[in-house]
Amino acid sequence: MAGPAPGRLLRPLATLALALALLAPGPPAVRAGQAPRPAERGPPVRLFTEEELARYGGEEEDRPIYLAVKGVVFDVTAGKEFYGRGAPYNALAGKDATRGVAKMSLDPADLTHDTTGLTAEELKSLDDVFAKVYKAKYPIVGYTARRILKEDGSPNLDFKPEDQPHFDLKDEF
C-alpha cells in the first residue's frame, strides 16, 4: 500500500505555517544569546532659527510642515489637513506658536514663543496640549535656537540637553 503523494502532505503543512505566521503577534521572539534589534530612529534633531522654521510653513507642497511649541519643533506633515496651506491651523505652521497654543488663539499677536503674562490655566493648557497632542502624535525634528541661545546669542545656561525630549548629543555634535 502506497502512502500519500508528497505534494498532498506538504500543502496542509504550508497552509498551517502560513496561518501561524499571519496570527503571530508581532516580530518573532529573540532567541537566547541574540541581541534584540534596535528600535528604528528617525533623523537626528537639529536647531532651527526663526527664518529656517518659517520655510516649513506649509506653503510648498514638496516640503514638510513644521511648527514649534515650547521651543520643540514637530513635523506635523501627517496633519496636513490641519496645518497645510489653507487649512484651519496653518497660522501655527512655520513658527514657534507657544503662546497661541496656550491661549487656543490664532491671533497673529499670539503666534509667538513668548509666554509672559499667561495665566496658570493657560500654562496648564499649554502643557496638556504639548504632551497629549504634539508629543503624542508628531515626531520631534529639532529645537528652536531660542531654546538654547539667549537673544544676544549667548548660551542659555538653563538648557540641559539631557532633559529635552528625543535630544541625543551624539546626533548633534
Protein backbone atom coordinates (compact mmCIF):
# COMPACT_ATOMS: atom_id res chain seq x y z
CA MET A 1 0.00 0.00 0.00
CA ALA A 2 1.49 3.30 -1.06
CA GLY A 3 1.49 6.39 1.19
CA PRO A 4 0.09 9.82 0.26
CA ALA A 5 1.75 11.65 -2.60
CA PRO A 6 4.48 14.05 -1.37
CA GLY A 7 2.62 17.14 -2.66
CA ARG A 8 -0.51 16.27 -0.70
CA LEU A 9 1.36 16.21 2.63
CA LEU A 10 3.23 19.47 2.02
CA ARG A 11 0.15 21.51 1.12
CA PRO A 12 -1.53 21.21 4.60
CA LEU A 13 1.81 21.91 6.30
CA ALA A 14 2.37 25.03 4.20
CA THR A 15 -1.17 26.22 4.96
CA LEU A 16 -0.62 25.66 8.69
CA ALA A 17 2.71 27.54 8.61
CA LEU A 18 1.13 30.47 6.75
CA ALA A 19 -1.78 30.62 9.21
CA LEU A 20 0.59 30.60 12.19
CA ALA A 21 2.73 33.32 10.62
CA LEU A 22 -0.30 35.55 10.00
CA LEU A 23 -1.65 35.05 13.50
CA ALA A 24 1.69 35.59 15.28
CA PRO A 25 1.65 38.74 17.44
CA GLY A 26 4.43 40.99 16.13
CA PRO A 27 8.02 40.08 15.25
CA PRO A 28 9.45 36.70 16.20
CA ALA A 29 10.79 36.39 19.72
CA VAL A 30 14.50 36.90 20.30
CA ARG A 31 16.34 33.62 20.80
CA ALA A 32 18.65 33.11 23.74
CA GLY A 33 22.05 34.65 23.09
CA GLN A 34 20.74 37.01 20.39
CA ALA A 35 20.56 40.74 20.93
CA PRO A 36 17.21 42.36 20.09
CA ARG A 37 17.15 44.60 17.04
CA PRO A 38 17.44 48.28 17.98
CA ALA A 39 14.33 50.40 17.52
CA GLU A 40 14.23 52.39 14.32
CA ARG A 41 15.26 56.01 14.80
CA GLY A 42 14.18 59.00 12.81
CA PRO A 43 16.54 61.64 11.52
CA PRO A 44 18.67 63.43 14.12
CA VAL A 45 17.17 66.54 15.65
CA ARG A 46 18.59 69.95 14.76
CA LEU A 47 18.38 73.62 15.70
CA PHE A 48 16.12 75.99 13.78
CA THR A 49 16.36 79.77 13.61
CA GLU A 50 13.07 81.63 13.15
CA GLU A 51 13.95 82.17 9.50
CA GLU A 52 14.66 78.47 8.92
CA LEU A 53 11.48 77.37 10.65
CA ALA A 54 9.45 79.81 8.52
CA ARG A 55 10.47 77.83 5.40
CA TYR A 56 8.34 74.93 6.68
CA GLY A 57 5.04 76.80 6.95
CA GLY A 58 3.06 74.52 4.64
CA GLU A 59 3.16 76.76 1.59
CA GLU A 60 5.24 74.40 -0.57
CA GLU A 61 3.74 71.02 -1.47
CA ASP A 62 7.07 69.18 -1.59
CA ARG A 63 8.34 70.39 1.79
CA PRO A 64 7.40 69.04 5.25
CA ILE A 65 5.31 71.17 7.61
CA TYR A 66 6.91 72.07 10.94
CA LEU A 67 5.72 74.01 13.93
CA ALA A 68 7.24 74.62 17.33
CA VAL A 69 5.65 74.56 20.76
CA LYS A 70 7.73 75.36 23.85
CA GLY A 71 10.79 75.53 21.58
CA VAL A 72 10.38 71.94 20.37
CA VAL A 73 9.97 71.60 16.59
CA PHE A 74 7.47 68.98 15.43
CA ASP A 75 6.91 67.57 11.94
CA VAL A 76 3.14 67.95 11.55
CA THR A 77 3.08 66.95 7.87
CA ALA A 78 0.88 63.95 8.77
CA GLY A 79 -1.74 66.51 9.85
CA LYS A 80 -1.57 68.38 6.55
CA GLU A 81 -5.36 68.76 6.54
CA PHE A 82 -4.98 70.85 9.72
CA TYR A 83 -1.66 72.65 9.13
CA GLY A 84 -1.19 72.78 5.33
CA ARG A 85 -1.88 75.72 3.02
CA GLY A 86 -5.44 76.98 3.54
CA ALA A 87 -6.03 74.60 6.48
CA PRO A 88 -7.62 75.81 9.73
CA TYR A 89 -4.40 75.82 11.78
CA ASN A 90 -1.96 76.86 9.06
CA ALA A 91 -1.29 80.06 11.01
CA LEU A 92 0.61 77.94 13.58
CA ALA A 93 2.91 76.34 10.98
CA GLY A 94 6.44 77.59 10.36
CA LYS A 95 6.83 79.30 13.73
CA ASP A 96 7.05 78.80 17.47
CA ALA A 97 3.37 79.31 18.31
CA THR A 98 3.63 78.52 22.02
CA ARG A 99 1.50 81.45 23.18
CA GLY A 100 -1.19 80.76 20.58
CA VAL A 101 -1.38 77.11 21.63
CA ALA A 102 -1.64 78.10 25.31
CA LYS A 103 -4.41 80.59 24.62
CA MET A 104 -6.07 78.49 21.89
CA SER A 105 -5.67 81.55 19.68
CA LEU A 106 -4.83 82.10 16.04
CA ASP A 107 -4.49 85.86 16.51
CA PRO A 108 -1.20 86.85 14.83
CA ALA A 109 -0.17 88.71 18.01
CA ASP A 110 -0.34 85.39 19.91
CA LEU A 111 1.73 83.38 17.43
CA THR A 112 4.97 83.73 19.34
CA HIS A 113 7.23 81.88 21.75
CA ASP A 114 6.61 84.45 24.48
CA THR A 115 4.68 83.10 27.47
CA THR A 116 4.91 86.28 29.55
CA GLY A 117 1.63 87.05 31.32
CA LEU A 118 -0.11 83.74 30.61
CA THR A 119 -2.48 82.61 33.34
CA ALA A 120 -1.97 79.41 35.33
CA GLU A 121 -4.89 77.90 33.41
CA GLU A 122 -3.31 78.81 30.05
CA LEU A 123 0.04 77.35 31.13
CA LYS A 124 -1.67 74.12 32.18
CA SER A 125 -3.50 74.00 28.86
CA LEU A 126 -0.16 74.51 27.09
CA ASP A 127 1.42 71.61 28.96
CA ASP A 128 -1.58 69.36 28.25
CA VAL A 129 -1.67 70.11 24.52
CA PHE A 130 2.12 69.82 24.28
CA ALA A 131 2.09 66.33 25.84
CA LYS A 132 -1.23 64.92 24.64
CA VAL A 133 -1.29 66.29 21.11
CA TYR A 134 2.11 67.25 19.80
CA LYS A 135 4.44 64.85 21.65
CA ALA A 136 1.92 62.03 21.34
CA LYS A 137 1.18 62.42 17.61
CA TYR A 138 4.09 64.08 15.83
CA PRO A 139 7.83 63.36 15.57
CA ILE A 140 10.27 65.84 17.05
CA VAL A 141 12.69 67.10 14.40
CA GLY A 142 14.52 69.76 16.37
CA TYR A 143 14.53 72.73 18.68
CA THR A 144 14.36 76.44 18.15
CA ALA A 145 17.69 78.19 18.55
CA ARG A 146 15.96 80.47 21.07
CA ARG A 147 15.53 77.46 23.38
CA ILE A 148 19.29 77.02 23.56
CA LEU A 149 20.55 80.57 22.98
CA LYS A 150 19.58 83.88 24.55
CA GLU A 151 18.55 86.90 22.45
CA ASP A 152 22.15 88.18 22.50
CA GLY A 153 23.46 84.84 21.18
CA SER A 154 24.99 83.75 24.47
CA PRO A 155 24.22 80.25 25.75
CA ASN A 156 21.05 79.70 27.78
CA LEU A 157 22.58 78.21 30.91
CA ASP A 158 19.21 76.74 31.93
CA PHE A 159 19.16 74.49 28.85
CA LYS A 160 20.02 70.88 29.67
CA PRO A 161 20.18 68.58 26.62
CA GLU A 162 19.53 65.52 28.76
CA ASP A 163 16.16 66.99 29.80
CA GLN A 164 14.97 67.51 26.23
CA PRO A 165 12.64 65.03 24.56
CA HIS A 166 14.43 62.98 21.88
CA PHE A 167 17.64 65.00 22.17
CA ASP A 168 20.74 62.88 21.70
CA LEU A 169 24.10 64.61 21.99
CA LYS A 170 25.84 62.15 19.68
CA ASP A 171 23.39 63.11 16.91
CA GLU A 172 24.06 66.79 17.36
CA PHE A 173 27.82 67.21 17.58
